[in-house]
Amino acid sequence: MRTPSVVRRWTNFADRRDPVAADVHLSGDYAPNNRGVEVRDDLVINGYRSPAGKANYHKSYGYLRAPEVSEAIRSSF
């Protein structure tokens, strides 16, 4: 497969403990698009805990609080 041509930047943020992120390395699955954009894998720690203290490694809040994700969002503006 190839990275879709409309994609200008693609970073695959994943926590190894996230049960939904079964394949944390997508970069080998997608070839660069016609602009040369390719997937960049970045393993992060999703430290989200529910109010009761239970870990949820797939929770979006945890990903959004990861410094790597925050920096990617900040740098895109």
PDB file of N, CA and C in Angstrom:
ATOM      1  N   MET A   1       0.836  -1.179   0.000  1.00  0.00           N
ATOM      2  CA  MET A   1       0.000   0.000   0.000  1.00  0.00           C
ATOM      3  C   MET A   1       0.884   1.247   0.000  1.00  0.00           C
ATOM      4  N   ARG A   2       0.286   2.320  -0.405  1.00  0.00           N
ATOM      5  CA  ARG A   2       0.986   3.587  -0.451  1.00  0.00           C
ATOM      6  C   ARG A   2       0.263   4.591   0.436  1.00  0.00           C
ATOM      7  N   THR A   3       1.024   5.494   1.038  1.00  0.00           N
ATOM      8  CA  THR A   3       0.438   6.576   1.815  1.00  0.00           C
ATOM      9  C   THR A   3      -0.472   7.378   0.889  1.00  0.00           C
ATOM     10  N   PRO A   4      -1.713   7.654   1.284  1.00  0.00           N
ATOM     11  CA  PRO A   4      -2.619   8.404   0.402  1.00  0.00           C
ATOM     12  C   PRO A   4      -2.016   9.737  -0.031  1.00  0.00           C
ATOM     13  N   SER A   5      -2.300  10.139  -1.254  1.00  0.00           N
ATOM     14  CA  SER A   5      -1.693  11.345  -1.819  1.00  0.00           C
ATOM     15  C   SER A   5      -2.136  12.621  -1.105  1.00  0.00           C
ATOM     16  N   VAL A   6      -3.258  12.622  -0.439  1.00  0.00           N
ATOM     17  CA  VAL A   6      -3.724  13.818   0.259  1.00  0.00           C
ATOM     18  C   VAL A   6      -3.039  14.017   1.609  1.00  0.00           C
ATOM     19  N   VAL A   7      -2.291  13.026   2.068  1.00  0.00           N
ATOM     20  CA  VAL A   7      -1.632  13.100   3.379  1.00  0.00           C
ATOM     21  C   VAL A   7      -0.356  13.933   3.265  1.00  0.00           C
ATOM     22  N   ARG A   8      -0.219  14.915   4.163  1.00  0.00           N
ATOM     23  CA  ARG A   8       0.970  15.771   4.182  1.00  0.00           C
ATOM     24  C   ARG A   8       1.928  15.404   5.296  1.00  0.00           C
ATOM     25  N   ARG A   9       1.407  14.725   6.321  1.00  0.00           N
ATOM     26  CA  ARG A   9       2.241  14.254   7.434  1.00  0.00           C
ATOM     27  C   ARG A   9       1.470  13.145   8.137  1.00  0.00           C
ATOM     28  N   TRP A  10       2.180  12.049   8.460  1.00  0.00           N
ATOM     29  CA  TRP A  10       1.519  10.927   9.120  1.00  0.00           C
ATOM     30  C   TRP A  10       2.458  10.376  10.185  1.00  0.00           C
ATOM     31  N   THR A  11       2.073  10.569  11.429  1.00  0.00           N
ATOM     32  CA  THR A  11       2.816   9.990  12.538  1.00  0.00           C
ATOM     33  C   THR A  11       1.903   9.004  13.235  1.00  0.00           C
ATOM     34  N   ASN A  12       2.366   7.783  13.345  1.00  0.00           N
ATOM     35  CA  ASN A  12       1.611   6.727  14.007  1.00  0.00           C
ATOM     36  C   ASN A  12       2.042   6.683  15.467  1.00  0.00           C
ATOM     37  N   PHE A  13       1.280   7.341  16.322  1.00  0.00           N
ATOM     38  CA  PHE A  13       1.554   7.311  17.757  1.00  0.00           C
ATOM     39  C   PHE A  13       0.882   6.070  18.333  1.00  0.00           C
ATOM     40  N   ALA A  14       1.640   5.249  19.046  1.00  0.00           N
ATOM     41  CA  ALA A  14       1.071   4.026  19.602  1.00  0.00           C
ATOM     42  C   ALA A  14       1.760   3.669  20.912  1.00  0.00           C
ATOM     43  N   ASP A  15       0.984   3.111  21.817  1.00  0.00           N
ATOM     44  CA  ASP A  15       1.490   2.562  23.068  1.00  0.00           C
ATOM     45  C   ASP A  15       1.447   1.045  22.911  1.00  0.00           C
ATOM     46  N   ARG A  16       2.545   0.379  23.183  1.00  0.00           N
ATOM     47  CA  ARG A  16       2.608  -1.079  23.031  1.00  0.00           C
ATOM     48  C   ARG A  16       1.531  -1.791  23.857  1.00  0.00           C
ATOM     49  N   ARG A  17       1.049  -1.164  24.917  1.00  0.00           N
ATOM     50  CA  ARG A  17       0.049  -1.788  25.787  1.00  0.00           C
ATOM     51  C   ARG A  17      -1.377  -1.554  25.301  1.00  0.00           C
ATOM     52  N   ASP A  18      -1.560  -0.752  24.268  1.00  0.00           N
ATOM     53  CA  ASP A  18      -2.884  -0.461  23.711  1.00  0.00           C
ATOM     54  C   ASP A  18      -3.360  -1.699  22.939  1.00  0.00           C
ATOM     55  N   PRO A  19      -4.432  -2.353  23.400  1.00  0.00           N
ATOM     56  CA  PRO A  19      -4.868  -3.577  22.727  1.00  0.00           C
ATOM     57  C   PRO A  19      -5.370  -3.344  21.299  1.00  0.00           C
ATOM     58  N   VAL A  20      -5.774  -2.136  20.982  1.00  0.00           N
ATOM     59  CA  VAL A  20      -6.253  -1.838  19.633  1.00  0.00           C
ATOM     60  C   VAL A  20      -5.083  -1.592  18.678  1.00  0.00           C
ATOM     61  N   ALA A  21      -3.977  -1.127  19.199  1.00  0.00           N
ATOM     62  CA  ALA A  21      -2.779  -0.869  18.384  1.00  0.00           C
ATOM     63  C   ALA A  21      -1.968  -2.161  18.269  1.00  0.00           C
ATOM     64  N   ALA A  22      -2.569  -3.163  17.676  1.00  0.00           N
ATOM     65  CA  ALA A  22      -1.922  -4.474  17.562  1.00  0.00           C
ATOM     66  C   ALA A  22      -0.622  -4.388  16.763  1.00  0.00           C
ATOM     67  N   ASP A  23      -0.591  -3.536  15.749  1.00  0.00           N
ATOM     68  CA  ASP A  23       0.616  -3.326  14.951  1.00  0.00           C
ATOM     69  C   ASP A  23       1.089  -1.910  15.214  1.00  0.00           C
ATOM     70  N   VAL A  24       2.071  -1.764  16.093  1.00  0.00           N
ATOM     71  CA  VAL A  24       2.553  -0.428  16.450  1.00  0.00           C
ATOM     72  C   VAL A  24       3.530   0.126  15.418  1.00  0.00           C
ATOM     73  N   HIS A  25       3.884  -0.675  14.437  1.00  0.00           N
ATOM     74  CA  HIS A  25       4.821  -0.246  13.398  1.00  0.00           C
ATOM     75  C   HIS A  25       4.115  -0.291  12.043  1.00  0.00           C
ATOM     76  N   LEU A  26       3.583   0.852  11.623  1.00  0.00           N
ATOM     77  CA  LEU A  26       2.902   0.942  10.325  1.00  0.00           C
ATOM     78  C   LEU A  26       3.822   1.379   9.198  1.00  0.00           C
ATOM     79  N   SER A  27       4.993   1.908   9.544  1.00  0.00           N
ATOM     80  CA  SER A  27       5.874   2.476   8.509  1.00  0.00           C
ATOM     81  C   SER A  27       6.267   1.448   7.448  1.00  0.00           C
ATOM     82  N   GLY A  28       6.382   0.207   7.810  1.00  0.00           N
ATOM     83  CA  GLY A  28       6.743  -0.820   6.835  1.00  0.00           C
ATOM     84  C   GLY A  28       5.574  -1.274   5.975  1.00  0.00           C
ATOM     85  N   ASP A  29       4.382  -0.837   6.316  1.00  0.00           N
ATOM     86  CA  ASP A  29       3.183  -1.254   5.585  1.00  0.00           C
ATOM     87  C   ASP A  29       2.770  -0.287   4.480  1.00  0.00           C
ATOM     88  N   TYR A  30       3.333   0.929   4.496  1.00  0.00           N
ATOM     89  CA  TYR A  30       2.939   1.960   3.538  1.00  0.00           C
ATOM     90  C   TYR A  30       4.172   2.561   2.865  1.00  0.00           C
ATOM     91  N   ALA A  31       4.146   2.585   1.554  1.00  0.00           N
ATOM     92  CA  ALA A  31       5.208   3.243   0.788  1.00  0.00           C
ATOM     93  C   ALA A  31       4.945   4.748   0.793  1.00  0.00           C
ATOM     94  N   PRO A  32       5.970   5.562   0.530  1.00  0.00           N
ATOM     95  CA  PRO A  32       5.761   7.014   0.449  1.00  0.00           C
ATOM     96  C   PRO A  32       4.766   7.364  -0.662  1.00  0.00           C
ATOM     97  N   ASN A  33       4.060   8.488  -0.470  1.00  0.00           N
ATOM     98  CA  ASN A  33       3.143   8.939  -1.519  1.00  0.00           C
ATOM     99  C   ASN A  33       3.922   9.734  -2.570  1.00  0.00           C
ATOM    100  N   ASN A  34       3.219  10.329  -3.522  1.00  0.00           N
ATOM    101  CA  ASN A  34       3.893  11.047  -4.614  1.00  0.00           C
ATOM    102  C   ASN A  34       4.618  12.302  -4.147  1.00  0.00           C
ATOM    103  N   ARG A  35       4.365  12.765  -2.907  1.00  0.00           N
ATOM    104  CA  ARG A  35       5.090  13.907  -2.326  1.00  0.00           C
ATOM    105  C   ARG A  35       6.270  13.453  -1.466  1.00  0.00           C
ATOM    106  N   GLY A  36       6.419  12.142  -1.325  1.00  0.00           N
ATOM    107  CA  GLY A  36       7.493  11.614  -0.490  1.00  0.00           C
ATOM    108  C   GLY A  36       7.121  11.459   0.973  1.00  0.00           C
ATOM    109  N   VAL A  37       5.833  11.686   1.294  1.00  0.00           N
ATOM    110  CA  VAL A  37       5.374  11.567   2.682  1.00  0.00           C
ATOM    111  C   VAL A  37       5.241  10.090   3.021  1.00  0.00           C
ATOM    112  N   GLU A  38       5.819   9.711   4.150  1.00  0.00           N
ATOM    113  CA  GLU A  38       5.720   8.336   4.598  1.00  0.00           C
ATOM    114  C   GLU A  38       5.330   8.295   6.070  1.00  0.00           C
ATOM    115  N   VAL A  39       4.899   7.146   6.518  1.00  0.00           N
ATOM    116  CA  VAL A  39       4.498   6.972   7.914  1.00  0.00           C
ATOM    117  C   VAL A  39       5.735   6.991   8.800  1.00  0.00           C
ATOM    118  N   ARG A  40       5.625   7.724   9.904  1.00  0.00           N
ATOM    119  CA  ARG A  40       6.680   7.736  10.919  1.00  0.00           C
ATOM    120  C   ARG A  40       6.076   7.145  12.184  1.00  0.00           C
ATOM    121  N   ASP A  41       6.658   6.052  12.667  1.00  0.00           N
ATOM    122  CA  ASP A  41       6.195   5.416  13.897  1.00  0.00           C
ATOM    123  C   ASP A  41       6.817   6.101  15.098  1.00  0.00           C
ATOM    124  N   ASP A  42       6.014   6.335  16.124  1.00  0.00           N
ATOM    125  CA  ASP A  42       6.508   6.955  17.357  1.00  0.00           C
ATOM    126  C   ASP A  42       5.808   6.281  18.536  1.00  0.00           C
ATOM    127  N   LEU A  43       6.552   5.466  19.261  1.00  0.00           N
ATOM    128  CA  LEU A  43       5.987   4.804  20.433  1.00  0.00           C
ATOM    129  C   LEU A  43       5.912   5.792  21.582  1.00  0.00           C
ATOM    130  N   VAL A  44       4.753   5.844  22.222  1.00  0.00           N
ATOM    131  CA  VAL A  44       4.524   6.763  23.333  1.00  0.00           C
ATOM    132  C   VAL A  44       3.975   5.987  24.521  1.00  0.00           C
ATOM    133  N   ILE A  45       3.938   6.649  25.653  1.00  0.00           N
ATOM    134  CA  ILE A  45       3.323   6.067  26.843  1.00  0.00           C
ATOM    135  C   ILE A  45       1.979   6.745  27.049  1.00  0.00           C
ATOM    136  N   ASN A  46       0.921   5.954  26.979  1.00  0.00           N
ATOM    137  CA  ASN A  46      -0.421   6.450  27.233  1.00  0.00           C
ATOM    138  C   ASN A  46      -0.701   6.172  28.708  1.00  0.00           C
ATOM    139  N   GLY A  47      -0.510   7.171  29.529  1.00  0.00           N
ATOM    140  CA  GLY A  47      -0.622   7.007  30.967  1.00  0.00           C
ATOM    141  C   GLY A  47      -1.999   7.286  31.532  1.00  0.00           C
ATOM    142  N   TYR A  48      -3.028   7.232  30.700  1.00  0.00           N
ATOM    143  CA  TYR A  48      -4.367   7.559  31.196  1.00  0.00           C
ATOM    144  C   TYR A  48      -4.812   6.586  32.287  1.00  0.00           C
ATOM    145  N   ARG A  49      -5.408   7.152  33.314  1.00  0.00           N
ATOM    146  CA  ARG A  49      -6.051   6.377  34.384  1.00  0.00           C
ATOM    147  C   ARG A  49      -7.440   6.965  34.601  1.00  0.00           C
ATOM    148  N   SER A  50      -8.415   6.090  34.755  1.00  0.00           N
ATOM    149  CA  SER A  50      -9.788   6.535  35.008  1.00  0.00           C
ATOM    150  C   SER A  50      -9.852   7.185  36.388  1.00  0.00           C
ATOM    151  N   PRO A  51     -10.931   7.904  36.691  1.00  0.00           N
ATOM    152  CA  PRO A  51     -11.062   8.478  38.028  1.00  0.00           C
ATOM    153  C   PRO A  51     -10.936   7.425  39.136  1.00  0.00           C
ATOM    154  N   ALA A  52     -11.266   6.182  38.820  1.00  0.00           N
ATOM    155  CA  ALA A  52     -11.134   5.093  39.800  1.00  0.00           C
ATOM    156  C   ALA A  52      -9.714   4.532  39.850  1.00  0.00           C
ATOM    157  N   GLY A  53      -8.841   5.041  38.974  1.00  0.00           N
ATOM    158  CA  GLY A  53      -7.443   4.611  38.974  1.00  0.00           C
ATOM    159  C   GLY A  53      -7.103   3.471  38.037  1.00  0.00           C
ATOM    160  N   LYS A  54      -8.063   3.046  37.215  1.00  0.00           N
ATOM    161  CA  LYS A  54      -7.816   1.940  36.297  1.00  0.00           C
ATOM    162  C   LYS A  54      -7.157   2.443  35.007  1.00  0.00           C
ATOM    163  N   ALA A  55      -6.111   1.748  34.578  1.00  0.00           N
ATOM    164  CA  ALA A  55      -5.408   2.117  33.343  1.00  0.00           C
ATOM    165  C   ALA A  55      -6.273   1.806  32.123  1.00  0.00           C
ATOM    166  N   ASN A  56      -6.212   2.695  31.124  1.00  0.00           N
ATOM    167  CA  ASN A  56      -6.866   2.467  29.841  1.00  0.00           C
ATOM    168  C   ASN A  56      -5.890   2.964  28.778  1.00  0.00           C
ATOM    169  N   TYR A  57      -5.110   2.049  28.228  1.00  0.00           N
ATOM    170  CA  TYR A  57      -4.032   2.404  27.301  1.00  0.00           C
ATOM    171  C   TYR A  57      -4.527   2.808  25.918  1.00  0.00           C
ATOM    172  N   HIS A  58      -5.825   2.683  25.661  1.00  0.00           N
ATOM    173  CA  HIS A  58      -6.375   3.091  24.372  1.00  0.00           C
ATOM    174  C   HIS A  58      -7.083   4.447  24.451  1.00  0.00           C
ATOM    175  N   LYS A  59      -7.279   4.973  25.620  1.00  0.00           N
ATOM    176  CA  LYS A  59      -8.045   6.210  25.817  1.00  0.00           C
ATOM    177  C   LYS A  59      -7.393   7.390  25.091  1.00  0.00           C
ATOM    178  N   SER A  60      -8.191   8.111  24.332  1.00  0.00           N
ATOM    179  CA  SER A  60      -7.659   9.236  23.563  1.00  0.00           C
ATOM    180  C   SER A  60      -7.055  10.308  24.458  1.00  0.00           C
ATOM    181  N   TYR A  61      -7.623  10.518  25.638  1.00  0.00           N
ATOM    182  CA  TYR A  61      -7.080  11.531  26.552  1.00  0.00           C
ATOM    183  C   TYR A  61      -5.614  11.260  26.866  1.00  0.00           C
ATOM    184  N   GLY A  62      -5.288   9.993  27.065  1.00  0.00           N
ATOM    185  CA  GLY A  62      -3.902   9.638  27.376  1.00  0.00           C
ATOM    186  C   GLY A  62      -2.964   9.946  26.220  1.00  0.00           C
ATOM    187  N   TYR A  63      -3.412   9.665  25.006  1.00  0.00           N
ATOM    188  CA  TYR A  63      -2.587   9.987  23.840  1.00  0.00           C
ATOM    189  C   TYR A  63      -2.419  11.501  23.693  1.00  0.00           C
ATOM    190  N   LEU A  64      -3.492  12.240  23.887  1.00  0.00           N
ATOM    191  CA  LEU A  64      -3.407  13.687  23.735  1.00  0.00           C
ATOM    192  C   LEU A  64      -2.502  14.332  24.777  1.00  0.00           C
ATOM    193  N   ARG A  65      -2.339  13.688  25.928  1.00  0.00           N
ATOM    194  CA  ARG A  65      -1.455  14.220  26.968  1.00  0.00           C
ATOM    195  C   ARG A  65      -0.012  13.774  26.807  1.00  0.00           C
ATOM    196  N   ALA A  66       0.242  12.828  25.916  1.00  0.00           N
ATOM    197  CA  ALA A  66       1.620  12.377  25.686  1.00  0.00           C
ATOM    198  C   ALA A  66       2.413  13.543  25.097  1.00  0.00           C
ATOM    199  N   PRO A  67       3.598  13.830  25.631  1.00  0.00           N
ATOM    200  CA  PRO A  67       4.385  14.970  25.139  1.00  0.00           C
ATOM    201  C   PRO A  67       4.649  14.921  23.636  1.00  0.00           C
ATOM    202  N   GLU A  68       4.857  13.743  23.086  1.00  0.00           N
ATOM    203  CA  GLU A  68       5.145  13.622  21.655  1.00  0.00           C
ATOM    204  C   GLU A  68       3.948  14.055  20.811  1.00  0.00           C
ATOM    205  N   VAL A  69       2.755  13.688  21.250  1.00  0.00           N
ATOM    206  CA  VAL A  69       1.545  14.062  20.524  1.00  0.00           C
ATOM    207  C   VAL A  69       1.287  15.558  20.670  1.00  0.00           C
ATOM    208  N   SER A  70       1.424  16.064  21.891  1.00  0.00           N
ATOM    209  CA  SER A  70       1.237  17.510  22.116  1.00  0.00           C
ATOM    210  C   SER A  70       2.188  18.334  21.261  1.00  0.00           C
ATOM    211  N   GLU A  71       3.424  17.901  21.172  1.00  0.00           N
ATOM    212  CA  GLU A  71       4.413  18.634  20.372  1.00  0.00           C
ATOM    213  C   GLU A  71       4.072  18.561  18.888  1.00  0.00           C
ATOM    214  N   ALA A  72       3.625  17.420  18.405  1.00  0.00           N
ATOM    215  CA  ALA A  72       3.244  17.295  16.988  1.00  0.00           C
ATOM    216  C   ALA A  72       2.080  18.224  16.664  1.00  0.00           C
ATOM    217  N   ILE A  73       1.112  18.301  17.563  1.00  0.00           N
ATOM    218  CA  ILE A  73      -0.033  19.190  17.349  1.00  0.00           C
ATOM    219  C   ILE A  73       0.424  20.642  17.370  1.00  0.00           C
ATOM    220  N   ARG A  74       1.224  20.995  18.364  1.00  0.00           N
ATOM    221  CA  ARG A  74       1.707  22.373  18.490  1.00  0.00           C
ATOM    222  C   ARG A  74       2.512  22.794  17.262  1.00  0.00           C
ATOM    223  N   SER A  75       3.373  21.931  16.789  1.00  0.00           N
ATOM    224  CA  SER A  75       4.248  22.298  15.679  1.00  0.00           C
ATOM    225  C   SER A  75       3.527  22.364  14.330  1.00  0.00           C
ATOM    226  N   SER A  76       2.297  21.876  14.283  1.00  0.00           N
ATOM    227  CA  SER A  76       1.575  21.927  13.011  1.00  0.00           C
ATOM    228  C   SER A  76       0.870  23.257  12.789  1.00  0.00           C
ATOM    229  N   PHE A  77       0.933  24.154  13.781  1.00  0.00           N
ATOM    230  CA  PHE A  77       0.303  25.462  13.634  1.00  0.00           C
ATOM    231  C   PHE A  77       1.328  26.545  13.405  1.00  0.00           C
TER     232      PHE A  77
END
